[in-house]
Protein backbone atom coordinates (compact mmCIF):
# COMPACT_ATOMS: atom_id res chain seq x y z
CA UNK A 1 -299.11 -61.76 81.14
CA UNK A 2 -297.98 -58.33 82.27
CA UNK A 3 -299.59 -56.90 85.40
CA UNK A 4 -302.58 -58.24 87.31
CA UNK A 5 -306.07 -58.43 85.90
CA UNK A 6 -308.71 -56.49 87.76
CA UNK A 7 -311.93 -58.17 88.83
CA UNK A 8 -313.78 -56.39 86.03
CA UNK A 9 -311.29 -57.65 83.44
CA UNK A 10 -311.55 -61.19 84.73
CA UNK A 11 -315.33 -61.00 84.76
CA UNK A 12 -315.40 -59.46 81.25
CA UNK A 13 -313.12 -62.19 79.92
CA UNK A 14 -315.15 -64.96 81.50
CA UNK A 15 -318.42 -63.50 80.20
CA UNK A 16 -316.99 -63.24 76.70
CA UNK A 17 -315.87 -66.86 76.76
CA UNK A 18 -319.24 -68.19 77.85
CA UNK A 19 -322.21 -68.74 75.55
CA UNK A 20 -324.39 -65.66 75.72
CA UNK A 21 -327.73 -65.93 77.47
CA UNK A 22 -330.47 -63.59 78.53
CA UNK A 23 -331.01 -62.82 82.17
CA UNK A 24 -333.42 -60.75 84.19
CA UNK A 25 -331.73 -58.15 86.37
CA UNK A 26 -333.02 -58.43 89.94
CA UNK A 27 -334.88 -55.57 91.60
CA UNK A 28 -332.01 -55.14 94.04
CA UNK A 29 -329.50 -54.77 91.21
CA UNK A 30 -331.71 -52.23 89.45
CA UNK A 31 -331.97 -50.24 92.66
CA UNK A 32 -328.22 -50.13 93.34
CA UNK A 33 -326.95 -49.93 89.75
CA UNK A 34 -328.53 -46.60 88.93
CA UNK A 35 -327.70 -43.29 90.57
CA UNK A 36 -325.98 -42.80 93.91
CA UNK A 37 -325.80 -45.50 96.52
CA UNK A 38 -324.19 -45.87 99.89
CA UNK A 39 -321.00 -47.94 99.70
CA UNK A 40 -321.91 -50.24 102.55
CA UNK A 41 -325.17 -51.37 100.98
CA UNK A 42 -323.64 -51.79 97.55
CA UNK A 43 -320.72 -53.81 98.82
CA UNK A 44 -323.04 -55.99 100.87
CA UNK A 45 -325.17 -56.60 97.81
CA UNK A 46 -322.20 -57.35 95.61
CA UNK A 47 -320.22 -59.53 97.98
CA UNK A 48 -322.68 -61.18 100.30
CA UNK A 49 -325.46 -61.80 97.83
CA UNK A 50 -328.16 -60.01 99.82
CA UNK A 51 -330.59 -59.48 96.97
CA UNK A 52 -334.13 -60.63 96.39
CA UNK A 53 -333.23 -63.24 93.74
CA UNK A 54 -330.15 -65.18 92.65
CA UNK A 55 -327.68 -63.08 90.63
CA UNK A 56 -325.55 -64.08 87.71
CA UNK A 57 -321.93 -63.04 87.19
CA UNK A 58 -323.19 -60.64 84.51
CA UNK A 59 -325.19 -58.85 87.18
CA UNK A 60 -322.13 -58.70 89.43
CA UNK A 61 -320.21 -57.18 86.53
CA UNK A 62 -322.95 -54.60 85.99
CA UNK A 63 -322.69 -53.56 89.63
CA UNK A 64 -318.92 -53.22 89.39
CA UNK A 65 -319.11 -51.18 86.20
CA UNK A 66 -321.70 -48.79 87.68
CA UNK A 67 -319.83 -48.47 90.98
CA UNK A 68 -316.06 -48.69 90.33
CA UNK A 69 -315.38 -46.98 93.65
CA UNK A 70 -316.36 -50.19 95.39
CA UNK A 71 -313.98 -52.37 93.40
CA UNK A 72 -311.31 -52.18 96.10
CA UNK A 73 -313.71 -53.21 98.86
CA UNK A 74 -314.86 -56.18 96.80
CA UNK A 75 -311.35 -57.36 95.94
CA UNK A 76 -311.07 -59.73 98.90
CA UNK A 77 -314.06 -61.62 97.55
CA UNK A 78 -312.30 -62.41 94.27
CA UNK A 79 -309.90 -64.90 95.89
CA UNK A 80 -310.32 -67.93 98.09
CA UNK A 81 -310.89 -67.30 101.78
CA UNK A 82 -310.88 -70.08 104.32
CA UNK A 83 -314.45 -70.51 105.62
CA UNK A 84 -312.93 -71.43 108.97
CA UNK A 85 -312.22 -67.72 109.43
CA UNK A 86 -314.64 -66.02 107.04
CA UNK A 87 -317.72 -67.93 108.29
CA UNK A 88 -317.24 -69.62 111.61
CA UNK A 89 -314.26 -69.06 113.91
CA UNK A 90 -314.28 -66.75 116.92
CA UNK A 91 -312.43 -63.45 116.80
CA UNK A 92 -310.06 -64.48 119.56
CA UNK A 93 -308.98 -67.70 117.86
CA UNK A 94 -308.73 -66.01 114.46
CA UNK A 95 -306.49 -63.35 116.00
CA UNK A 96 -304.39 -65.96 117.79
CA UNK A 97 -303.15 -67.30 114.46
CA UNK A 98 -303.15 -63.99 112.60
CA UNK A 99 -300.14 -62.34 110.98
CA UNK A 100 -300.52 -59.47 113.42
CA UNK A 101 -300.18 -61.76 116.44
CA UNK A 102 -297.38 -63.76 114.81
CA UNK A 103 -295.15 -60.90 113.81
CA UNK A 104 -295.69 -58.75 116.89
CA UNK A 105 -294.72 -61.84 118.89
CA UNK A 106 -291.55 -62.12 116.82
CA UNK A 107 -290.69 -58.54 117.73
CA UNK A 108 -291.45 -59.10 121.40
CA UNK A 109 -289.16 -62.14 121.38
CA UNK A 110 -286.37 -60.06 119.86
CA UNK A 111 -286.92 -57.50 122.62
CA UNK A 112 -286.81 -60.22 125.32
CA UNK A 113 -283.59 -61.57 123.85
CA UNK A 114 -282.00 -58.11 123.80
CA UNK A 115 -283.06 -57.41 127.40
CA UNK A 116 -281.61 -60.69 128.62
CA UNK A 117 -278.38 -60.23 126.66
CA UNK A 118 -278.01 -56.71 128.07
CA UNK A 119 -278.65 -57.95 131.61
CA UNK A 120 -275.89 -60.55 131.15
CA UNK A 121 -273.35 -57.97 130.04
CA UNK A 122 -273.54 -57.60 126.27
CA UNK A 123 -273.11 -54.00 125.01
CA UNK A 124 -276.79 -53.23 124.38
CA UNK A 125 -278.20 -49.88 125.46
CA UNK A 126 -281.50 -48.87 127.03
CA UNK A 127 -282.07 -46.59 124.05
CA UNK A 128 -281.89 -49.53 121.65
CA UNK A 129 -284.39 -51.53 123.68
CA UNK A 130 -286.74 -48.55 124.05
CA UNK A 131 -286.59 -47.97 120.30
CA UNK A 132 -287.56 -51.61 119.67
CA UNK A 133 -290.37 -51.45 122.22
CA UNK A 134 -291.78 -48.29 120.64
CA UNK A 135 -292.15 -50.13 117.30
CA UNK A 136 -293.25 -53.53 118.56
CA UNK A 137 -296.79 -53.16 117.22
CA UNK A 138 -296.51 -50.93 114.13
CA UNK A 139 -295.56 -53.46 111.49
CA UNK A 140 -295.15 -52.30 107.90
CA UNK A 141 -296.60 -55.41 106.27
CA UNK A 142 -296.11 -54.04 102.75
CA UNK A 143 -292.40 -53.50 103.34
CA UNK A 144 -292.05 -56.94 104.92
CA UNK A 145 -293.78 -58.55 101.92
CA UNK A 146 -291.48 -56.74 99.51
CA UNK A 147 -288.42 -57.77 101.52
CA UNK A 148 -289.55 -61.39 101.51
CA UNK A 149 -290.02 -61.29 97.72
CA UNK A 150 -286.40 -60.18 97.41
CA UNK A 151 -284.83 -62.33 100.12
CA UNK A 152 -287.04 -65.44 99.96
CA UNK A 153 -286.74 -65.60 103.76
CA UNK A 154 -289.61 -64.57 105.99
CA UNK A 155 -287.63 -64.05 109.20
CA UNK A 156 -284.90 -61.94 107.58
CA UNK A 157 -287.60 -59.93 105.78
CA UNK A 158 -289.03 -58.97 109.17
CA UNK A 159 -285.59 -58.39 110.67
CA UNK A 160 -284.91 -55.86 107.89
CA UNK A 161 -288.34 -54.27 108.27
CA UNK A 162 -287.96 -53.94 112.04
CA UNK A 163 -284.43 -52.59 111.61
CA UNK A 164 -285.65 -49.98 109.14
CA UNK A 165 -287.86 -48.44 111.83
CA UNK A 166 -285.28 -49.06 114.59
CA UNK A 167 -281.97 -47.84 113.07
CA UNK A 168 -280.28 -47.50 116.44
CA UNK A 169 -281.23 -51.03 117.47
CA UNK A 170 -280.61 -52.55 114.04
CA UNK A 171 -277.15 -53.98 114.89
CA UNK A 172 -278.47 -56.05 117.82
CA UNK A 173 -281.83 -57.30 116.50
CA UNK A 174 -281.80 -61.12 116.33
CA UNK A 175 -278.30 -61.17 117.85
CA UNK A 176 -277.01 -64.76 118.08
CA UNK A 177 -280.41 -66.21 117.15
CA UNK A 178 -281.62 -68.47 114.38
CA UNK A 179 -284.95 -68.23 112.58
CA UNK A 180 -286.49 -70.87 114.84
CA UNK A 181 -285.87 -68.66 117.84
CA UNK A 182 -288.78 -66.52 116.71
CA UNK A 183 -290.59 -69.09 114.55
CA UNK A 184 -290.78 -72.06 116.90
CA UNK A 185 -291.12 -70.06 120.10
CA UNK A 186 -293.99 -68.10 118.57
CA UNK A 187 -295.67 -71.34 117.52
CA UNK A 188 -295.43 -72.61 121.08
CA UNK A 189 -296.93 -69.38 122.39
CA UNK A 190 -299.79 -69.67 119.88
CA UNK A 191 -300.40 -73.31 120.86
CA UNK A 192 -300.45 -72.37 124.54
CA UNK A 193 -302.77 -69.42 123.96
CA UNK A 194 -304.93 -71.57 121.67
CA UNK A 195 -305.44 -74.10 124.45
CA UNK A 196 -306.28 -71.23 126.82
CA UNK A 197 -309.07 -70.19 124.43
CA UNK A 198 -310.41 -73.72 123.97
CA UNK A 199 -310.42 -74.94 127.57
CA UNK A 200 -313.10 -72.54 128.92
CA UNK A 201 -315.24 -73.23 125.84
CA UNK A 202 -315.04 -76.96 126.44
CA UNK A 203 -315.80 -76.40 130.12
CA UNK A 204 -318.96 -74.48 129.18
CA UNK A 205 -320.13 -77.30 126.92
CA UNK A 206 -319.61 -79.74 129.79
CA UNK A 207 -321.46 -77.44 132.18
CA UNK A 208 -324.47 -77.10 129.86
CA UNK A 209 -324.64 -80.84 129.29
CA UNK A 210 -324.29 -81.51 133.02
CA UNK A 211 -327.29 -79.28 133.70
CA UNK A 212 -329.20 -81.12 130.97
CA UNK A 213 -328.25 -84.52 132.43
CA UNK A 214 -329.34 -83.46 135.90
CA UNK A 215 -332.68 -82.17 134.64
CA UNK A 216 -333.51 -85.37 132.79
CA UNK A 217 -331.74 -87.84 135.10
CA UNK A 218 -334.90 -89.90 135.71
CA UNK A 219 -336.78 -89.47 132.41
CA UNK A 220 -337.00 -92.99 130.92
CA UNK A 221 -336.15 -93.41 127.26
CA UNK A 222 -335.46 -96.28 124.92
CA UNK A 223 -331.89 -97.42 124.88
CA UNK A 224 -330.47 -98.54 121.55
CA UNK A 225 -327.84 -101.13 120.72
CA UNK A 226 -327.05 -101.70 117.03
CA UNK A 227 -329.59 -98.87 116.61
CA UNK A 228 -332.27 -101.37 117.59
CA UNK A 229 -334.49 -100.83 120.64
CA UNK A 230 -332.90 -102.24 123.79
CA UNK A 231 -333.51 -101.94 127.53
CA UNK A 232 -334.52 -98.55 128.84
CA UNK A 233 -332.09 -95.92 130.07
CA UNK A 234 -332.77 -92.26 130.88
CA UNK A 235 -332.23 -89.12 128.86
CA UNK A 236 -329.86 -87.84 131.55
CA UNK A 237 -327.86 -91.07 131.70
CA UNK A 238 -327.32 -90.96 127.94
CA UNK A 239 -326.05 -87.38 128.28
CA UNK A 240 -323.59 -88.65 130.90
CA UNK A 241 -322.07 -90.95 128.28
CA UNK A 242 -321.37 -87.84 126.22
CA UNK A 243 -320.06 -86.06 129.30
CA UNK A 244 -317.66 -88.85 130.14
CA UNK A 245 -315.95 -88.47 126.76
CA UNK A 246 -315.84 -84.68 127.08
CA UNK A 247 -314.35 -85.00 130.56
CA UNK A 248 -311.55 -87.10 129.07
CA UNK A 249 -311.06 -84.43 126.42
CA UNK A 250 -310.74 -81.54 128.85
CA UNK A 251 -308.17 -83.47 130.87
CA UNK A 252 -306.27 -84.26 127.68
CA UNK A 253 -306.29 -80.62 126.54
CA UNK A 254 -305.13 -79.41 129.95
CA UNK A 255 -302.34 -82.00 130.01
CA UNK A 256 -301.18 -81.05 126.50
CA UNK A 257 -301.22 -77.38 127.45
CA UNK A 258 -299.28 -77.96 130.66
CA UNK A 259 -296.73 -80.19 128.91
CA UNK A 260 -295.77 -77.42 126.47
CA UNK A 261 -292.32 -76.00 127.04
CA UNK A 262 -290.44 -73.14 125.42
CA UNK A 263 -287.87 -73.88 122.72
CA UNK A 264 -285.81 -71.16 124.28
CA UNK A 265 -282.46 -69.85 123.09
CA UNK A 266 -280.70 -72.75 121.38
CA UNK A 267 -279.00 -71.56 118.19
CA UNK A 268 -278.90 -73.06 114.73
CA UNK A 269 -278.63 -76.77 115.54
CA UNK A 270 -279.60 -76.64 119.20
CA UNK A 271 -276.05 -76.51 120.59
CA UNK A 272 -276.13 -72.83 121.68
CA UNK A 273 -272.74 -72.39 120.00
CA UNK A 274 -273.45 -68.82 118.82
CA UNK A 275 -274.42 -67.70 122.33
CA UNK A 276 -271.41 -69.43 123.84
CA UNK A 277 -269.28 -67.36 121.47
CA UNK A 278 -271.15 -64.16 122.36
CA UNK A 279 -270.47 -64.76 126.04
CA UNK A 280 -266.85 -65.77 125.42
CA UNK A 281 -267.22 -69.36 126.56
CA UNK A 282 -269.23 -68.62 129.72
CA UNK A 283 -271.58 -71.61 129.93
CA UNK A 284 -273.39 -70.25 132.99
CA UNK A 285 -274.37 -67.08 131.16
CA UNK A 286 -275.70 -69.07 128.21
CA UNK A 287 -277.87 -71.12 130.56
CA UNK A 288 -278.97 -67.95 132.34
CA UNK A 289 -279.91 -66.41 129.00
CA UNK A 290 -282.08 -69.42 128.11
CA UNK A 291 -283.75 -69.37 131.52
CA UNK A 292 -284.36 -65.60 131.54
CA UNK A 293 -285.96 -65.50 128.10
CA UNK A 294 -288.09 -68.56 128.95
CA UNK A 295 -289.32 -66.90 132.15
CA UNK A 296 -290.07 -63.58 130.44
CA UNK A 297 -292.04 -65.41 127.75
CA UNK A 298 -294.31 -66.91 130.42
CA UNK A 299 -293.11 -70.52 130.36
CA UNK A 300 -292.00 -72.50 133.39
CA UNK A 301 -289.61 -74.72 131.47
CA UNK A 302 -287.72 -74.91 128.19
CA UNK A 303 -286.80 -78.07 126.34
CA UNK A 304 -283.28 -78.96 127.49
CA UNK A 305 -282.32 -80.39 124.11
CA UNK A 306 -283.55 -79.45 120.63
CA UNK A 307 -282.32 -79.65 117.09
CA UNK A 308 -282.87 -76.54 115.07
CA UNK A 309 -286.54 -76.91 115.98
CA UNK A 310 -288.37 -78.29 118.95
CA UNK A 311 -289.35 -81.92 118.40
CA UNK A 312 -292.32 -82.15 116.04
CA UNK A 313 -293.75 -84.80 118.35
CA UNK A 314 -294.91 -81.82 120.42
CA UNK A 315 -297.26 -81.00 117.55
CA UNK A 316 -298.50 -84.60 117.59
CA UNK A 317 -299.30 -84.32 121.30
CA UNK A 318 -301.12 -81.03 120.80
CA UNK A 319 -303.16 -82.01 117.76
CA UNK A 320 -303.93 -85.56 118.89
CA UNK A 321 -306.02 -84.31 121.80
CA UNK A 322 -307.87 -81.99 119.40
CA UNK A 323 -308.51 -84.86 116.99
CA UNK A 324 -309.77 -86.93 119.91
CA UNK A 325 -312.10 -84.06 120.80
CA UNK A 326 -313.30 -84.12 117.20
CA UNK A 327 -314.20 -87.80 117.54
CA UNK A 328 -316.17 -87.04 120.70
CA UNK A 329 -318.08 -84.18 119.12
CA UNK A 330 -318.89 -86.26 116.04
CA UNK A 331 -320.34 -89.04 118.21
CA UNK A 332 -322.43 -86.64 120.30
CA UNK A 333 -323.80 -84.76 117.32
CA UNK A 334 -324.51 -87.97 115.41
CA UNK A 335 -326.56 -89.15 118.39
CA UNK A 336 -328.45 -85.85 118.40
CA UNK A 337 -329.15 -86.20 114.67
CA UNK A 338 -330.47 -89.75 115.17
CA UNK A 339 -332.69 -88.63 118.05
CA UNK A 340 -333.90 -85.66 115.99
CA UNK A 341 -335.03 -88.13 113.34
CA UNK A 342 -337.06 -89.89 116.04
CA UNK A 343 -338.38 -86.46 117.13
CA UNK A 344 -337.31 -87.19 120.71
CA UNK A 345 -334.68 -84.45 120.98
CA UNK A 346 -334.09 -81.40 118.83
CA UNK A 347 -331.36 -78.79 118.56
CA UNK A 348 -332.35 -75.09 118.77
CA UNK A 349 -334.30 -73.87 115.76
CA UNK A 350 -334.59 -70.15 115.08
CA UNK A 351 -337.98 -68.54 114.54
CA UNK A 352 -337.19 -67.59 110.94
CA UNK A 353 -334.80 -70.45 110.19
CA UNK A 354 -335.46 -72.37 106.97
CA UNK A 355 -334.81 -76.10 107.03
CA UNK A 356 -335.16 -76.73 103.31
CA UNK A 357 -335.58 -74.56 100.24
CA UNK A 358 -337.99 -77.13 98.79
CA UNK A 359 -339.69 -78.62 101.86
CA UNK A 360 -340.90 -75.85 104.20
CA UNK A 361 -341.95 -78.25 106.96
CA UNK A 362 -338.42 -79.54 107.58
CA UNK A 363 -336.43 -78.82 110.75
CA UNK A 364 -332.97 -80.06 109.84
CA UNK A 365 -330.33 -80.48 112.58
CA UNK A 366 -327.93 -78.24 110.68
CA UNK A 367 -325.84 -77.25 113.71
CA UNK A 368 -325.16 -80.88 114.61
CA UNK A 369 -324.46 -81.60 110.95
CA UNK A 370 -321.97 -78.73 110.86
CA UNK A 371 -320.24 -80.10 113.93
CA UNK A 372 -319.97 -83.54 112.32
CA UNK A 373 -318.65 -82.06 109.10
CA UNK A 374 -315.96 -80.01 110.83
CA UNK A 375 -315.15 -82.75 113.34
CA UNK A 376 -314.23 -85.02 110.44
CA UNK A 377 -311.82 -82.34 109.22
CA UNK A 378 -310.37 -82.02 112.72
CA UNK A 379 -309.76 -85.77 112.92
CA UNK A 380 -308.26 -85.84 109.41
CA UNK A 381 -305.76 -83.08 110.27
CA UNK A 382 -304.08 -85.46 112.71
CA UNK A 383 -302.32 -87.16 109.80
CA UNK A 384 -300.23 -84.04 109.15
CA UNK A 385 -298.16 -83.84 112.36
CA UNK A 386 -297.72 -87.61 112.41
CA UNK A 387 -296.18 -87.61 108.95
CA UNK A 388 -294.24 -84.39 109.53
CA UNK A 389 -292.57 -85.71 112.68
CA UNK A 390 -291.69 -88.98 110.97
CA UNK A 391 -289.90 -87.37 108.00
CA UNK A 392 -287.77 -84.77 109.80
CA UNK A 393 -284.14 -85.51 108.91
CA UNK A 394 -281.40 -85.27 111.52
CA UNK A 395 -281.45 -81.77 113.12
CA UNK A 396 -284.25 -80.47 110.86
CA UNK A 397 -285.60 -80.16 107.33
CA UNK A 398 -287.80 -77.38 106.01
CA UNK A 399 -290.50 -79.64 104.60
CA UNK A 400 -292.34 -79.20 107.89
CA UNK A 401 -292.89 -75.47 107.42
CA UNK A 402 -295.61 -75.10 104.78
CA UNK A 403 -297.55 -78.03 106.25
CA UNK A 404 -297.49 -76.61 109.78
CA UNK A 405 -298.67 -73.20 108.56
CA UNK A 406 -301.90 -74.99 107.66
CA UNK A 407 -302.32 -77.89 110.07
CA UNK A 408 -301.62 -76.08 113.36
CA UNK A 409 -303.96 -73.09 112.87
CA UNK A 410 -306.68 -75.14 111.17
CA UNK A 411 -306.78 -77.67 114.01
CA UNK A 412 -307.29 -74.99 116.63
CA UNK A 413 -309.70 -72.96 114.48
CA UNK A 414 -311.78 -76.06 113.76
CA UNK A 415 -311.84 -77.11 117.42
CA UNK A 416 -312.88 -73.57 118.33
CA UNK A 417 -315.78 -73.68 115.87
CA UNK A 418 -317.13 -77.08 116.90
CA UNK A 419 -317.03 -76.13 120.58
CA UNK A 420 -318.84 -72.83 120.00
CA UNK A 421 -321.46 -74.61 117.92
CA UNK A 422 -321.85 -77.45 120.40
CA UNK A 423 -322.28 -74.97 123.24
CA UNK A 424 -325.06 -73.31 121.27
CA UNK A 425 -326.69 -76.71 120.74
CA UNK A 426 -326.45 -77.78 124.38
CA UNK A 427 -327.82 -74.45 125.59
CA UNK A 428 -331.00 -74.98 123.60
CA UNK A 429 -331.61 -78.73 123.41
CA UNK A 430 -335.35 -79.45 123.31
CA UNK A 431 -336.74 -82.72 124.69
CA UNK A 432 -340.16 -84.12 123.72
CA UNK A 433 -341.25 -86.42 126.60
CA UNK A 434 -344.55 -87.39 124.98
CA UNK A 435 -342.80 -88.66 121.86
CA UNK A 436 -340.34 -90.57 124.03
CA UNK A 437 -343.24 -92.04 126.02
CA UNK A 438 -344.99 -93.17 122.82
CA UNK A 439 -341.85 -94.94 121.63
CA UNK A 440 -341.52 -96.65 125.01
CA UNK A 441 -345.15 -97.82 124.91
CA UNK A 442 -344.53 -99.25 121.48
CA UNK A 443 -341.57 -101.39 122.62
CA UNK A 444 -342.09 -101.94 126.34
CA UNK A 445 -344.47 -104.92 126.15
CA UNK A 446 -341.72 -106.99 124.55
CA UNK A 447 -339.20 -105.81 127.15
CA UNK A 448 -341.61 -106.62 129.99
CA UNK A 449 -341.94 -110.31 129.06
CA UNK A 450 -339.25 -111.39 131.55
CA UNK A 451 -341.02 -109.47 134.34
CA UNK A 452 -344.33 -111.13 133.39
CA UNK A 453 -342.72 -114.59 133.48
CA UNK A 454 -341.21 -113.93 136.92
CA UNK A 455 -344.56 -112.69 138.26
CA UNK A 456 -346.33 -115.80 136.96
CA UNK A 457 -343.77 -118.09 138.58
CA UNK A 458 -344.28 -116.24 141.89
CA UNK A 459 -348.01 -116.81 141.47
CA UNK A 460 -347.49 -120.57 141.16
CA UNK A 461 -347.03 -120.96 137.40
CA UNK A 462 -344.48 -123.07 135.55
CA UNK A 463 -341.62 -121.06 134.07
CA UNK A 464 -341.37 -123.14 130.85
CA UNK A 465 -345.11 -123.12 130.20
CA UNK A 466 -345.24 -119.35 130.73
CA UNK A 467 -342.24 -118.80 128.46
CA UNK A 468 -343.95 -120.71 125.63
CA UNK A 469 -347.19 -118.75 126.08
CA UNK A 470 -345.32 -115.44 125.94
CA UNK A 471 -343.28 -116.57 122.93
CA UNK A 472 -346.39 -117.39 120.90
CA UNK A 473 -348.20 -114.19 121.86
CA UNK A 474 -345.08 -112.09 121.13
CA UNK A 475 -344.73 -113.58 117.67
CA UNK A 476 -348.37 -112.81 116.92
CA UNK A 477 -348.00 -109.22 118.15
CA UNK A 478 -344.80 -108.77 116.13
CA UNK A 479 -346.61 -109.91 112.99
CA UNK A 480 -349.26 -107.24 113.56
CA UNK A 481 -346.54 -104.58 113.87
CA UNK A 482 -344.38 -105.68 110.96
CA UNK A 483 -346.84 -107.13 108.46
CA UNK A 484 -349.96 -105.08 109.12
CA UNK A 485 -348.38 -101.83 110.32
CA UNK A 486 -350.46 -101.95 113.49
CA UNK A 487 -349.60 -101.13 117.10
CA UNK A 488 -347.96 -103.54 119.48
CA UNK A 489 -350.94 -105.38 121.03
CA UNK A 490 -348.99 -107.91 123.13
CA UNK A 491 -350.37 -106.49 126.36
CA UNK A 492 -353.96 -106.83 125.10
CA UNK A 493 -353.27 -110.47 124.10
CA UNK A 494 -351.89 -111.21 127.57
CA UNK A 495 -354.95 -109.65 129.17
CA UNK A 496 -357.28 -111.78 127.01
CA UNK A 497 -355.50 -115.05 127.74
CA UNK A 498 -357.02 -116.85 130.80
CA UNK A 499 -353.59 -118.28 131.63
CA UNK A 500 -352.46 -114.86 132.94
CA UNK A 501 -355.49 -114.17 135.20
CA UNK A 502 -353.36 -114.58 138.38
CA UNK A 503 -351.24 -111.48 137.54
CA UNK A 504 -353.66 -109.19 135.65
CA UNK A 505 -353.79 -106.84 138.62
CA UNK A 506 -350.01 -106.47 138.53
CA UNK A 507 -349.65 -105.59 134.84
CA UNK A 508 -349.60 -101.79 135.26
CA UNK A 509 -346.82 -102.02 137.85
CA UNK A 510 -344.92 -104.55 135.75
CA UNK A 511 -345.04 -102.15 132.80
CA UNK A 512 -344.05 -98.96 134.67
CA UNK A 513 -341.09 -97.60 132.64
CA UNK A 514 -339.31 -96.44 135.80
CA UNK A 515 -338.94 -100.06 136.90
CA UNK A 516 -336.81 -100.69 133.81
CA UNK A 517 -334.15 -97.94 134.22
CA UNK A 518 -332.14 -99.63 136.96
CA UNK A 519 -329.84 -97.25 138.81
CA UNK A 520 -329.57 -94.71 136.01
CA UNK A 521 -330.75 -91.71 138.12
CA UNK A 522 -328.39 -92.61 140.95
CA UNK A 523 -325.51 -93.08 138.50
CA UNK A 524 -326.17 -89.62 137.04
CA UNK A 525 -326.18 -87.96 140.46
CA UNK A 526 -322.94 -89.61 141.57
CA UNK A 527 -321.14 -89.03 138.26
CA UNK A 528 -322.01 -85.33 138.21
CA UNK A 529 -321.07 -84.72 141.84
CA UNK A 530 -317.85 -86.75 141.94
CA UNK A 531 -316.38 -86.24 138.47
CA UNK A 532 -317.99 -83.43 136.51
CA UNK A 533 -318.59 -80.61 139.00
CA UNK A 534 -315.05 -80.76 140.46
CA UNK A 535 -313.65 -80.74 136.92
CA UNK A 536 -315.39 -77.41 136.25
CA UNK A 537 -314.20 -75.62 139.38
CA UNK A 538 -311.19 -73.90 137.71
CA UNK A 539 -313.53 -72.37 135.11
CA UNK A 540 -316.29 -71.05 137.38
CA UNK A 541 -315.56 -67.43 136.51
CA UNK A 542 -315.90 -68.12 132.77
CA UNK A 543 -319.24 -69.93 132.73
CA UNK A 544 -321.57 -67.02 131.99
CA UNK A 545 -320.67 -66.62 128.30
CA UNK A 546 -323.55 -67.53 126.01
CA UNK A 547 -323.06 -68.41 122.34
CA UNK A 548 -325.20 -66.89 119.60
CA UNK A 549 -324.33 -68.25 116.17
CA UNK A 550 -324.31 -65.79 113.30
CA UNK A 551 -324.62 -68.52 110.68
C-alpha cells in the first residue's frame, strides 16, 4: 500500500467494513461539530473523551471531518502510547528515559571524549570542541531518523547528524570509540539518575508511614494469621512491619546506586586497542583517558574489565532491587485493601470520586489496587535482565538491545509510579477506631479465656475444671455466632455461671484490649528511633514534597 493512511481514511475504512447502525450524536459533539471552535477544546473532546455521553467512532470521524485542522494534534492518539508515561509517571522520570535525554547525553559523552583526548595530546582544537558544545542540545531528530533508516545503525545516524551541524568537528566526533561508548555509558547515567529520582520518593513514603506508626503506636487492633483473627497487635506496630520491608528496599536501592560504575573508554571488545593505537602505544595515556572521562561523567570508578558492553549482571543488580520493592508495595497495598474491606482503614477518597459506575455507595481502594497491578508488572520485569545476562555470547551479542530498551525504562517508570501513588496513600490514610473496637469486642472474649483461667486458678480454682467450663461455654457462644448470626455472648455466659463468681469483679480488667498488645508500643518507639529516623537523615531536605494524583 503506497503512502500512509490518515486517521480519517482509517476511520472511514473501518466504518465501511462494520455493519451500519444508528447512533445519537452527543450534545458535546453537536456543539463542537458546527461552526467555529477553539482548538484546545475540540482536541480535548476528540482525544480525551470529555463529552457528556459515550461517543462512537462515527462521532469521532464526524469531529475530524468538521475540524480537519485538528487532525495533526490528534495524530498521537491514533497509535499505542505506553500508559506508564501517558497516564502515570512523573515528568522527571519520563524525561530521564526520553530520547532528548538519551541523545543529548550521547553528544555530551562525545564532547568529554574529545576534551580528554585533546588534553592528552591528540590534535583536537578548542574550536572543534566549542562547535560541539554549541550544538549539544539542538538535535535534529528528523534528520537522525532519516539517517537511521538509511544506515540501520542508531549511533552512526546520530554521529552523522551531529557532524552535519558541526562540520569543523566532524573528523574527531566518536574518535576511537565504539557504539557502546555512548550507548552503555548513557544507560549507566540513566540508571544512576533514575535511582536518584526514586530514593527521595521512597524516603518520603517511609517518613509518612513512620508518622502514621507513631500516631497509632498504642491503638489495639485484631492481628490476623491465615487471615483469621489472632492475638491483638496495634495499628502502629502493623505499619512497622511495612516499614521494615521498605527500610530494606531503600538500603538495597542505595547500594545498587552506589555500586554502579562507568563503562568508560574501552573500545570494541573491551581491550582499548583503538585508543592504544591513537596514543601510539602509550598505556599510561590510555588509562588516563579512561579515568578522565569517568571523572568528568560524574562517576568515581569505571569497570576495569568489560567486553563490548558492561556486564549485563549490572542490570540484574539494578532491577532486582526494584522488583523487590514491587513485592513490598504489593504486600502493603494488599493489606490496605483487606483492611478497607473490614472498614478499619481506608485510603484517601476524593470528594467527587466515583467508586463504581453501577453502585454509587462504593468506596473502592483504587489507588492500592493500582499499586498492586503495577507492582506485579515491576516484579515480572525482573525476568528480562536475568535471561538477557544468561544468553550473552562471548564479548557480546545484540539480542540484548531491543529487550533493554523496554525493560530498563519500564522498571524505573513503574517503580516511580508505585512510589508516587503509595506516598499519596500514606499521606491520607484514614483509620476508624470505632470499627476496630467493634471487631475487637467481637473476638476478644475468646482470646481472654486464658486470662480468665489464670485468674480463677489464682482465686483457688482448679485449672482443669476451669478449662472444661470455658471450653463448653465457648462452644455454645461460637454456635450463636456461626449458626444464628448473633453476637459473641461468651462474656455474658461467664457472668451468669456461678462457678466464676470469685473473679466477676476482675472481668473488665481481664478484657481490657491494652493488656493484650504486649510490648507493641515500646517496639514501635524503639524501631522508629533506632532504625527508621536515622535512615531518613540524608533526605531531610526533600521531605516537604506532597503528591497529588491526577488520575
